[in-house]
Each structure stands twice: as C-alpha cells, then as structure tokens.
C-alpha cells in the first residue's frame, strides 16, 4: 500500500491510497470521524479496477497529516491486539 499526497492546505489534505479497498478505508474513515480535532472526512472510490480510493481530511485544529498518522497508528494497535487475542484463544 502506498499513500500519494494529492492536495495540501493548512487545515486539509487529499490523499490517494494505492492498493486499498473498503476493508481498510471504512475503519480509517470511522476512526477519523471519532477524532475531536477532525472537522470533515470524505472518501471517493471510483471504479474499483481503475481508480484507487481518495481520502479528504479537514481538521479543526492541528495538522491533517498528523490526524491521519495518529489514526493509522491507533488502528494498527487495535488490529495487533485483536490478532494476538485470536492467536492465544485458538491454540
């Protein structure tokens, strides 16, 4: 997966997430919407075989790229904990 910066403003960014599908986009958008510093999140998918999803983030405070990084790290930790719990339970 690769993230390409398409637009950058003081309080917003638009990125293309290459190789992503709704399995990744949905939890990312939901987590961003729960962030008190995020004002708006939009995503577009386009044709699934021809276009990569784009994500628009506008923040109330802070930097939009920081909000994206923080959210991605939080999701990574959640999925890691879930994987570890499953591995423990399935022994």
N, C-alpha and C. Protein backbone atom coordinates (compact mmCIF):
# COMPACT_ATOMS: atom_id res chain seq x y z
N UNK A 1 0.84 -1.17 0.00
CA UNK A 1 0.00 0.00 0.00
C UNK A 1 0.90 1.24 0.00
N UNK A 2 0.46 2.24 -0.74
CA UNK A 2 1.22 3.48 -0.86
C UNK A 2 0.24 4.65 -0.78
N UNK A 3 0.65 5.72 -0.10
CA UNK A 3 -0.17 6.92 0.01
C UNK A 3 0.47 8.03 -0.80
N UNK A 4 -0.32 8.63 -1.68
CA UNK A 4 0.16 9.72 -2.53
C UNK A 4 -0.59 11.00 -2.14
N UNK A 5 0.15 12.04 -1.81
CA UNK A 5 -0.44 13.32 -1.47
C UNK A 5 -0.89 14.03 -2.74
N UNK A 6 -2.18 14.33 -2.81
CA UNK A 6 -2.74 14.99 -3.99
C UNK A 6 -2.89 16.50 -3.78
N UNK A 7 -3.33 16.89 -2.59
CA UNK A 7 -3.53 18.31 -2.27
C UNK A 7 -3.18 18.52 -0.81
N UNK A 8 -2.64 19.69 -0.52
CA UNK A 8 -2.31 20.02 0.87
C UNK A 8 -2.61 21.49 1.11
N UNK A 9 -3.46 21.74 2.10
CA UNK A 9 -3.77 23.08 2.56
C UNK A 9 -3.40 23.15 4.03
N UNK A 10 -3.57 24.32 4.62
CA UNK A 10 -3.23 24.49 6.04
C UNK A 10 -4.02 23.54 6.93
N UNK A 11 -5.31 23.39 6.64
CA UNK A 11 -6.17 22.58 7.50
C UNK A 11 -6.75 21.34 6.81
N UNK A 12 -6.26 20.99 5.63
CA UNK A 12 -6.81 19.83 4.93
C UNK A 12 -5.77 19.17 4.02
N UNK A 13 -6.01 17.91 3.76
CA UNK A 13 -5.21 17.16 2.78
C UNK A 13 -6.14 16.26 1.99
N UNK A 14 -5.68 15.91 0.81
CA UNK A 14 -6.36 14.92 -0.03
C UNK A 14 -5.28 13.94 -0.46
N UNK A 15 -5.50 12.66 -0.18
CA UNK A 15 -4.52 11.63 -0.49
C UNK A 15 -5.16 10.52 -1.30
N UNK A 16 -4.35 9.87 -2.11
CA UNK A 16 -4.77 8.67 -2.83
C UNK A 16 -4.11 7.50 -2.11
N UNK A 17 -4.90 6.48 -1.82
CA UNK A 17 -4.37 5.30 -1.13
C UNK A 17 -4.32 4.16 -2.13
N UNK A 18 -3.14 3.93 -2.66
CA UNK A 18 -2.97 2.91 -3.71
C UNK A 18 -3.04 1.51 -3.10
N UNK A 19 -3.81 0.67 -3.74
CA UNK A 19 -3.91 -0.72 -3.31
C UNK A 19 -4.86 -0.95 -2.14
N UNK A 20 -5.63 0.06 -1.76
CA UNK A 20 -6.56 -0.08 -0.63
C UNK A 20 -7.96 -0.42 -1.14
N UNK A 21 -8.73 -1.06 -0.28
CA UNK A 21 -10.12 -1.33 -0.59
C UNK A 21 -10.96 -0.92 0.63
N UNK A 22 -12.23 -1.21 0.61
CA UNK A 22 -13.13 -0.79 1.68
C UNK A 22 -12.78 -1.43 3.02
N UNK A 23 -12.10 -2.56 3.02
CA UNK A 23 -11.68 -3.20 4.26
C UNK A 23 -10.76 -2.29 5.05
N UNK A 24 -9.98 -1.51 4.38
CA UNK A 24 -9.09 -0.54 5.03
C UNK A 24 -9.75 0.82 5.17
N UNK A 25 -10.42 1.29 4.15
CA UNK A 25 -10.98 2.63 4.13
C UNK A 25 -12.06 2.82 5.20
N UNK A 26 -12.96 1.87 5.34
CA UNK A 26 -14.08 2.02 6.27
C UNK A 26 -13.62 2.24 7.71
N UNK A 27 -12.76 1.39 8.29
CA UNK A 27 -12.34 1.67 9.67
C UNK A 27 -11.52 2.95 9.80
N UNK A 28 -10.77 3.30 8.76
CA UNK A 28 -9.99 4.52 8.79
C UNK A 28 -10.89 5.75 8.84
N UNK A 29 -11.90 5.78 8.00
CA UNK A 29 -12.85 6.89 7.98
C UNK A 29 -13.61 6.97 9.30
N UNK A 30 -14.08 5.83 9.81
CA UNK A 30 -14.82 5.82 11.07
C UNK A 30 -13.96 6.36 12.22
N UNK A 31 -12.72 5.93 12.29
CA UNK A 31 -11.83 6.39 13.36
C UNK A 31 -11.52 7.88 13.21
N UNK A 32 -11.32 8.35 12.00
CA UNK A 32 -11.07 9.77 11.78
C UNK A 32 -12.28 10.60 12.22
N UNK A 33 -13.48 10.13 11.93
CA UNK A 33 -14.69 10.86 12.32
C UNK A 33 -14.85 10.93 13.84
N UNK A 34 -14.27 10.00 14.56
CA UNK A 34 -14.34 9.99 16.02
C UNK A 34 -13.31 10.93 16.65
N UNK A 35 -12.35 11.40 15.88
CA UNK A 35 -11.31 12.30 16.38
C UNK A 35 -11.91 13.69 16.57
N UNK A 36 -11.82 14.22 17.78
CA UNK A 36 -12.41 15.53 18.09
C UNK A 36 -11.76 16.67 17.32
N UNK A 37 -10.56 16.49 16.83
CA UNK A 37 -9.86 17.53 16.08
C UNK A 37 -10.17 17.51 14.59
N UNK A 38 -10.88 16.48 14.13
CA UNK A 38 -11.21 16.35 12.71
C UNK A 38 -12.59 16.94 12.45
N UNK A 39 -12.66 17.84 11.48
CA UNK A 39 -13.92 18.51 11.14
C UNK A 39 -14.70 17.76 10.06
N UNK A 40 -13.97 17.17 9.10
CA UNK A 40 -14.64 16.57 7.94
C UNK A 40 -13.76 15.47 7.34
N UNK A 41 -14.40 14.40 6.92
CA UNK A 41 -13.72 13.31 6.23
C UNK A 41 -14.61 12.89 5.06
N UNK A 42 -14.03 12.81 3.88
CA UNK A 42 -14.74 12.33 2.69
C UNK A 42 -13.85 11.34 1.97
N UNK A 43 -14.46 10.38 1.35
CA UNK A 43 -13.69 9.47 0.51
C UNK A 43 -14.45 9.20 -0.77
N UNK A 44 -13.68 8.95 -1.81
CA UNK A 44 -14.27 8.56 -3.09
C UNK A 44 -13.56 7.30 -3.55
N UNK A 45 -14.32 6.46 -4.20
CA UNK A 45 -13.77 5.18 -4.63
C UNK A 45 -13.58 5.12 -6.13
N UNK A 46 -14.53 5.60 -6.90
CA UNK A 46 -14.43 5.48 -8.34
C UNK A 46 -14.61 4.03 -8.76
N UNK A 47 -14.14 3.69 -9.92
CA UNK A 47 -14.23 2.33 -10.42
C UNK A 47 -13.18 1.47 -9.72
N UNK A 48 -13.60 0.36 -9.16
CA UNK A 48 -12.71 -0.45 -8.31
C UNK A 48 -11.49 -1.00 -9.03
N UNK A 49 -11.55 -1.21 -10.33
CA UNK A 49 -10.41 -1.77 -11.03
C UNK A 49 -9.58 -0.71 -11.75
N UNK A 50 -10.06 0.53 -11.74
CA UNK A 50 -9.35 1.55 -12.50
C UNK A 50 -8.83 2.70 -11.63
N UNK A 51 -9.42 2.91 -10.46
CA UNK A 51 -9.05 4.04 -9.63
C UNK A 51 -8.80 3.61 -8.19
N UNK A 52 -7.80 4.19 -7.58
CA UNK A 52 -7.55 3.98 -6.17
C UNK A 52 -8.41 4.95 -5.37
N UNK A 53 -8.79 4.57 -4.15
CA UNK A 53 -9.60 5.46 -3.32
C UNK A 53 -8.85 6.74 -2.97
N UNK A 54 -9.59 7.84 -2.85
CA UNK A 54 -9.02 9.10 -2.37
C UNK A 54 -9.71 9.46 -1.06
N UNK A 55 -8.96 10.09 -0.19
CA UNK A 55 -9.44 10.45 1.13
C UNK A 55 -9.15 11.93 1.36
N UNK A 56 -10.18 12.67 1.78
CA UNK A 56 -10.05 14.09 2.09
C UNK A 56 -10.26 14.26 3.59
N UNK A 57 -9.35 14.97 4.24
CA UNK A 57 -9.43 15.19 5.69
C UNK A 57 -9.26 16.68 5.95
N UNK A 58 -10.22 17.26 6.69
CA UNK A 58 -10.10 18.65 7.13
C UNK A 58 -10.18 18.66 8.65
N UNK A 59 -9.27 19.38 9.29
CA UNK A 59 -9.20 19.40 10.75
C UNK A 59 -9.64 20.75 11.31
N UNK A 60 -10.10 20.72 12.57
CA UNK A 60 -10.43 21.93 13.30
C UNK A 60 -9.16 22.56 13.84
N UNK A 61 -8.32 21.70 14.41
CA UNK A 61 -7.04 22.13 14.98
C UNK A 61 -5.96 21.13 14.61
N UNK A 62 -4.72 21.57 14.62
CA UNK A 62 -3.61 20.68 14.30
C UNK A 62 -3.41 20.53 12.81
N UNK A 63 -2.61 19.55 12.46
CA UNK A 63 -2.30 19.27 11.05
C UNK A 63 -3.08 18.05 10.58
N UNK A 64 -3.63 18.10 9.39
CA UNK A 64 -4.40 16.96 8.90
C UNK A 64 -3.54 15.70 8.74
N UNK A 65 -2.28 15.86 8.33
CA UNK A 65 -1.43 14.68 8.20
C UNK A 65 -1.15 14.04 9.56
N UNK A 66 -1.10 14.84 10.62
CA UNK A 66 -0.92 14.30 11.97
C UNK A 66 -2.14 13.49 12.39
N UNK A 67 -3.33 14.00 12.05
CA UNK A 67 -4.56 13.27 12.38
C UNK A 67 -4.58 11.92 11.66
N UNK A 68 -4.17 11.89 10.40
CA UNK A 68 -4.14 10.64 9.64
C UNK A 68 -3.13 9.67 10.23
N UNK A 69 -1.95 10.15 10.56
CA UNK A 69 -0.91 9.29 11.15
C UNK A 69 -1.35 8.73 12.49
N UNK A 70 -1.93 9.60 13.33
CA UNK A 70 -2.39 9.17 14.66
C UNK A 70 -3.47 8.10 14.54
N UNK A 71 -4.40 8.31 13.63
CA UNK A 71 -5.48 7.35 13.44
C UNK A 71 -4.96 6.03 12.89
N UNK A 72 -4.06 6.09 11.94
CA UNK A 72 -3.50 4.86 11.37
C UNK A 72 -2.75 4.06 12.44
N UNK A 73 -2.00 4.75 13.28
CA UNK A 73 -1.26 4.06 14.35
C UNK A 73 -2.22 3.43 15.35
N UNK A 74 -3.29 4.14 15.69
CA UNK A 74 -4.28 3.61 16.62
C UNK A 74 -4.94 2.35 16.06
N UNK A 75 -5.31 2.38 14.79
CA UNK A 75 -5.92 1.21 14.15
C UNK A 75 -4.94 0.04 14.09
N UNK A 76 -3.70 0.34 13.81
CA UNK A 76 -2.68 -0.72 13.78
C UNK A 76 -2.61 -1.43 15.12
N UNK A 77 -2.61 -0.65 16.20
CA UNK A 77 -2.55 -1.24 17.54
C UNK A 77 -3.79 -2.06 17.85
N UNK A 78 -4.97 -1.57 17.45
CA UNK A 78 -6.20 -2.32 17.69
C UNK A 78 -6.19 -3.66 16.97
N UNK A 79 -5.78 -3.67 15.70
CA UNK A 79 -5.74 -4.91 14.93
C UNK A 79 -4.66 -5.86 15.45
N UNK A 80 -3.56 -5.31 15.93
CA UNK A 80 -2.50 -6.13 16.50
C UNK A 80 -3.00 -6.83 17.76
N UNK A 81 -3.69 -6.09 18.63
CA UNK A 81 -4.25 -6.68 19.84
C UNK A 81 -5.27 -7.76 19.51
N UNK A 82 -6.11 -7.51 18.53
CA UNK A 82 -7.12 -8.50 18.13
C UNK A 82 -6.45 -9.76 17.59
N UNK A 83 -5.42 -9.59 16.77
CA UNK A 83 -4.70 -10.74 16.22
C UNK A 83 -4.06 -11.56 17.34
N UNK A 84 -3.43 -10.88 18.30
CA UNK A 84 -2.79 -11.59 19.41
C UNK A 84 -3.81 -12.34 20.25
N UNK A 85 -4.96 -11.74 20.49
CA UNK A 85 -6.01 -12.41 21.25
C UNK A 85 -6.52 -13.64 20.52
N UNK A 86 -6.70 -13.53 19.22
CA UNK A 86 -7.15 -14.68 18.42
C UNK A 86 -6.12 -15.80 18.44
N UNK A 87 -4.86 -15.44 18.29
CA UNK A 87 -3.82 -16.47 18.30
C UNK A 87 -3.77 -17.19 19.64
N UNK A 88 -3.95 -16.44 20.72
CA UNK A 88 -3.94 -17.03 22.06
C UNK A 88 -5.14 -17.96 22.24
N UNK A 89 -6.30 -17.51 21.83
CA UNK A 89 -7.54 -18.28 22.00
C UNK A 89 -7.61 -19.50 21.10
N UNK A 90 -6.93 -19.47 19.97
CA UNK A 90 -7.02 -20.57 19.02
C UNK A 90 -5.93 -21.62 19.19
N UNK A 91 -5.16 -21.54 20.24
CA UNK A 91 -4.09 -22.54 20.46
C UNK A 91 -4.65 -23.87 20.84
